[in-house]
Amino acid sequence: MSDEELIETLKYSSPKILYIVTWNNLLKKLFCPFQVMVKHQIGELEKGEKIWVENVKVTVKLKTVYIIKGRAYYYDHFEILN
């Protein structure tokens, strides 16, 4: 993906909103902050700890990143709580 394509894609996104598809195929909009649970220890975060996602970003390769306590973590280290 070129830089121009990435810019075009990201201009419609917000760091305060995450869209998810639920288990029953419904589209749901989550607003930051939303709560997640740590799947396994990563950095200073302990397994099972419930924490708040401050912002949602993406990498150049469009992988979702959560900003938690000012630090960036890949989304797949966490389970979203409702």
C-alpha atoms as a PDB file:
ATOM      1  CA  MET A   1       0.000   0.000   0.000  1.00  0.00           C
ATOM      2  CA  SER A   2       1.397   3.371  -0.965  1.00  0.00           C
ATOM      3  CA  ASP A   3       1.561   6.307   1.419  1.00  0.00           C
ATOM      4  CA  GLU A   4      -1.207   8.054  -0.533  1.00  0.00           C
ATOM      5  CA  GLU A   5      -3.489   5.007  -0.275  1.00  0.00           C
ATOM      6  CA  LEU A   6      -2.802   4.765   3.443  1.00  0.00           C
ATOM      7  CA  ILE A   7      -3.612   8.453   3.947  1.00  0.00           C
ATOM      8  CA  GLU A   8      -6.830   8.040   1.963  1.00  0.00           C
ATOM      9  CA  THR A   9      -7.874   5.034   4.045  1.00  0.00           C
ATOM     10  CA  LEU A  10      -7.053   6.604   7.404  1.00  0.00           C
ATOM     11  CA  LYS A  11      -8.739   9.943   6.810  1.00  0.00           C
ATOM     12  CA  TYR A  12     -12.068   8.306   7.662  1.00  0.00           C
ATOM     13  CA  SER A  13     -10.847   6.744  10.905  1.00  0.00           C
ATOM     14  CA  SER A  14     -10.744   8.097  14.431  1.00  0.00           C
ATOM     15  CA  PRO A  15      -8.364   7.239  17.280  1.00  0.00           C
ATOM     16  CA  LYS A  16     -11.360   7.301  19.653  1.00  0.00           C
ATOM     17  CA  ILE A  17     -13.598   4.748  17.872  1.00  0.00           C
ATOM     18  CA  LEU A  18     -13.203   1.023  17.165  1.00  0.00           C
ATOM     19  CA  TYR A  19     -15.676  -0.959  15.067  1.00  0.00           C
ATOM     20  CA  ILE A  20     -16.012  -4.650  15.925  1.00  0.00           C
ATOM     21  CA  VAL A  21     -18.140  -7.521  14.632  1.00  0.00           C
ATOM     22  CA  THR A  22     -19.861  -9.404  17.452  1.00  0.00           C
ATOM     23  CA  TRP A  23     -20.241 -13.181  17.714  1.00  0.00           C
ATOM     24  CA  ASN A  24     -23.713 -12.880  16.106  1.00  0.00           C
ATOM     25  CA  ASN A  25     -22.455 -10.782  13.153  1.00  0.00           C
ATOM     26  CA  LEU A  26     -23.588  -7.375  14.391  1.00  0.00           C
ATOM     27  CA  LEU A  27     -21.414  -4.332  13.815  1.00  0.00           C
ATOM     28  CA  LYS A  28     -20.713  -2.546  17.092  1.00  0.00           C
ATOM     29  CA  LYS A  29     -19.021   0.798  17.674  1.00  0.00           C
ATOM     30  CA  LEU A  30     -16.797   1.114  20.758  1.00  0.00           C
ATOM     31  CA  PHE A  31     -15.796   4.526  22.038  1.00  0.00           C
ATOM     32  CA  CYS A  32     -12.546   5.122  23.906  1.00  0.00           C
ATOM     33  CA  PRO A  33     -11.928   4.535  26.647  1.00  0.00           C
ATOM     34  CA  PHE A  34     -13.138   0.922  26.566  1.00  0.00           C
ATOM     35  CA  GLN A  35     -12.059  -1.911  28.821  1.00  0.00           C
ATOM     36  CA  VAL A  36      -9.949  -4.916  27.839  1.00  0.00           C
ATOM     37  CA  MET A  37      -8.406  -7.851  29.681  1.00  0.00           C
ATOM     38  CA  VAL A  38      -4.754  -8.818  29.217  1.00  0.00           C
ATOM     39  CA  LYS A  39      -4.482 -12.355  27.728  1.00  0.00           C
ATOM     40  CA  HIS A  40      -0.870 -12.917  28.853  1.00  0.00           C
ATOM     41  CA  GLN A  41       1.817 -10.867  30.553  1.00  0.00           C
ATOM     42  CA  ILE A  42       3.259  -8.217  28.275  1.00  0.00           C
ATOM     43  CA  GLY A  43       5.593  -5.524  29.529  1.00  0.00           C
ATOM     44  CA  GLU A  44       4.244  -4.144  32.796  1.00  0.00           C
ATOM     45  CA  LEU A  45       0.759  -5.566  32.184  1.00  0.00           C
ATOM     46  CA  GLU A  46      -0.193  -8.733  34.073  1.00  0.00           C
ATOM     47  CA  LYS A  47      -2.286 -11.608  32.716  1.00  0.00           C
ATOM     48  CA  GLY A  48      -5.959 -11.172  33.671  1.00  0.00           C
ATOM     49  CA  GLU A  49      -5.570  -7.472  34.454  1.00  0.00           C
ATOM     50  CA  LYS A  50      -8.481  -5.277  33.324  1.00  0.00           C
ATOM     51  CA  ILE A  51      -7.359  -2.007  31.809  1.00  0.00           C
ATOM     52  CA  TRP A  52      -8.695   0.863  29.694  1.00  0.00           C
ATOM     53  CA  VAL A  53      -7.760   1.562  26.077  1.00  0.00           C
ATOM     54  CA  GLU A  54      -7.133   5.296  25.655  1.00  0.00           C
ATOM     55  CA  ASN A  55      -6.808   5.406  21.849  1.00  0.00           C
ATOM     56  CA  VAL A  56      -6.775   3.102  18.847  1.00  0.00           C
ATOM     57  CA  LYS A  57      -4.122   3.463  16.146  1.00  0.00           C
ATOM     58  CA  VAL A  58      -2.890   1.381  13.200  1.00  0.00           C
ATOM     59  CA  THR A  59       0.554   0.530  11.930  1.00  0.00           C
ATOM     60  CA  VAL A  60       1.724   1.187   8.380  1.00  0.00           C
ATOM     61  CA  LYS A  61       0.703  -2.417   7.626  1.00  0.00           C
ATOM     62  CA  LEU A  62      -2.784  -1.669   9.074  1.00  0.00           C
ATOM     63  CA  LYS A  63      -2.409  -3.766  12.233  1.00  0.00           C
ATOM     64  CA  THR A  64      -4.512  -2.387  15.096  1.00  0.00           C
ATOM     65  CA  VAL A  65      -2.656  -0.958  18.086  1.00  0.00           C
ATOM     66  CA  TYR A  66      -4.145   0.019  21.450  1.00  0.00           C
ATOM     67  CA  ILE A  67      -2.701   2.926  23.399  1.00  0.00           C
ATOM     68  CA  ILE A  68      -2.755   1.959  27.087  1.00  0.00           C
ATOM     69  CA  LYS A  69      -1.142   4.080  29.802  1.00  0.00           C
ATOM     70  CA  GLY A  70       0.594   6.036  27.021  1.00  0.00           C
ATOM     71  CA  ARG A  71       2.214   2.930  25.483  1.00  0.00           C
ATOM     72  CA  ALA A  72       1.320   1.097  22.266  1.00  0.00           C
ATOM     73  CA  TYR A  73       0.381  -2.613  22.266  1.00  0.00           C
ATOM     74  CA  TYR A  74      -0.902  -4.837  19.466  1.00  0.00           C
ATOM     75  CA  TYR A  75      -4.614  -5.599  19.819  1.00  0.00           C
ATOM     76  CA  ASP A  76      -4.177  -9.383  19.872  1.00  0.00           C
ATOM     77  CA  HIS A  77      -2.717  -9.313  23.397  1.00  0.00           C
ATOM     78  CA  PHE A  78      -6.145  -8.337  24.750  1.00  0.00           C
ATOM     79  CA  GLU A  79      -9.771  -9.452  24.966  1.00  0.00           C
ATOM     80  CA  ILE A  80     -12.421  -6.754  24.715  1.00  0.00           C
ATOM     81  CA  LEU A  81     -14.806  -6.684  27.696  1.00  0.00           C
ATOM     82  CA  ASN A  82     -18.420  -5.541  27.498  1.00  0.00           C
END
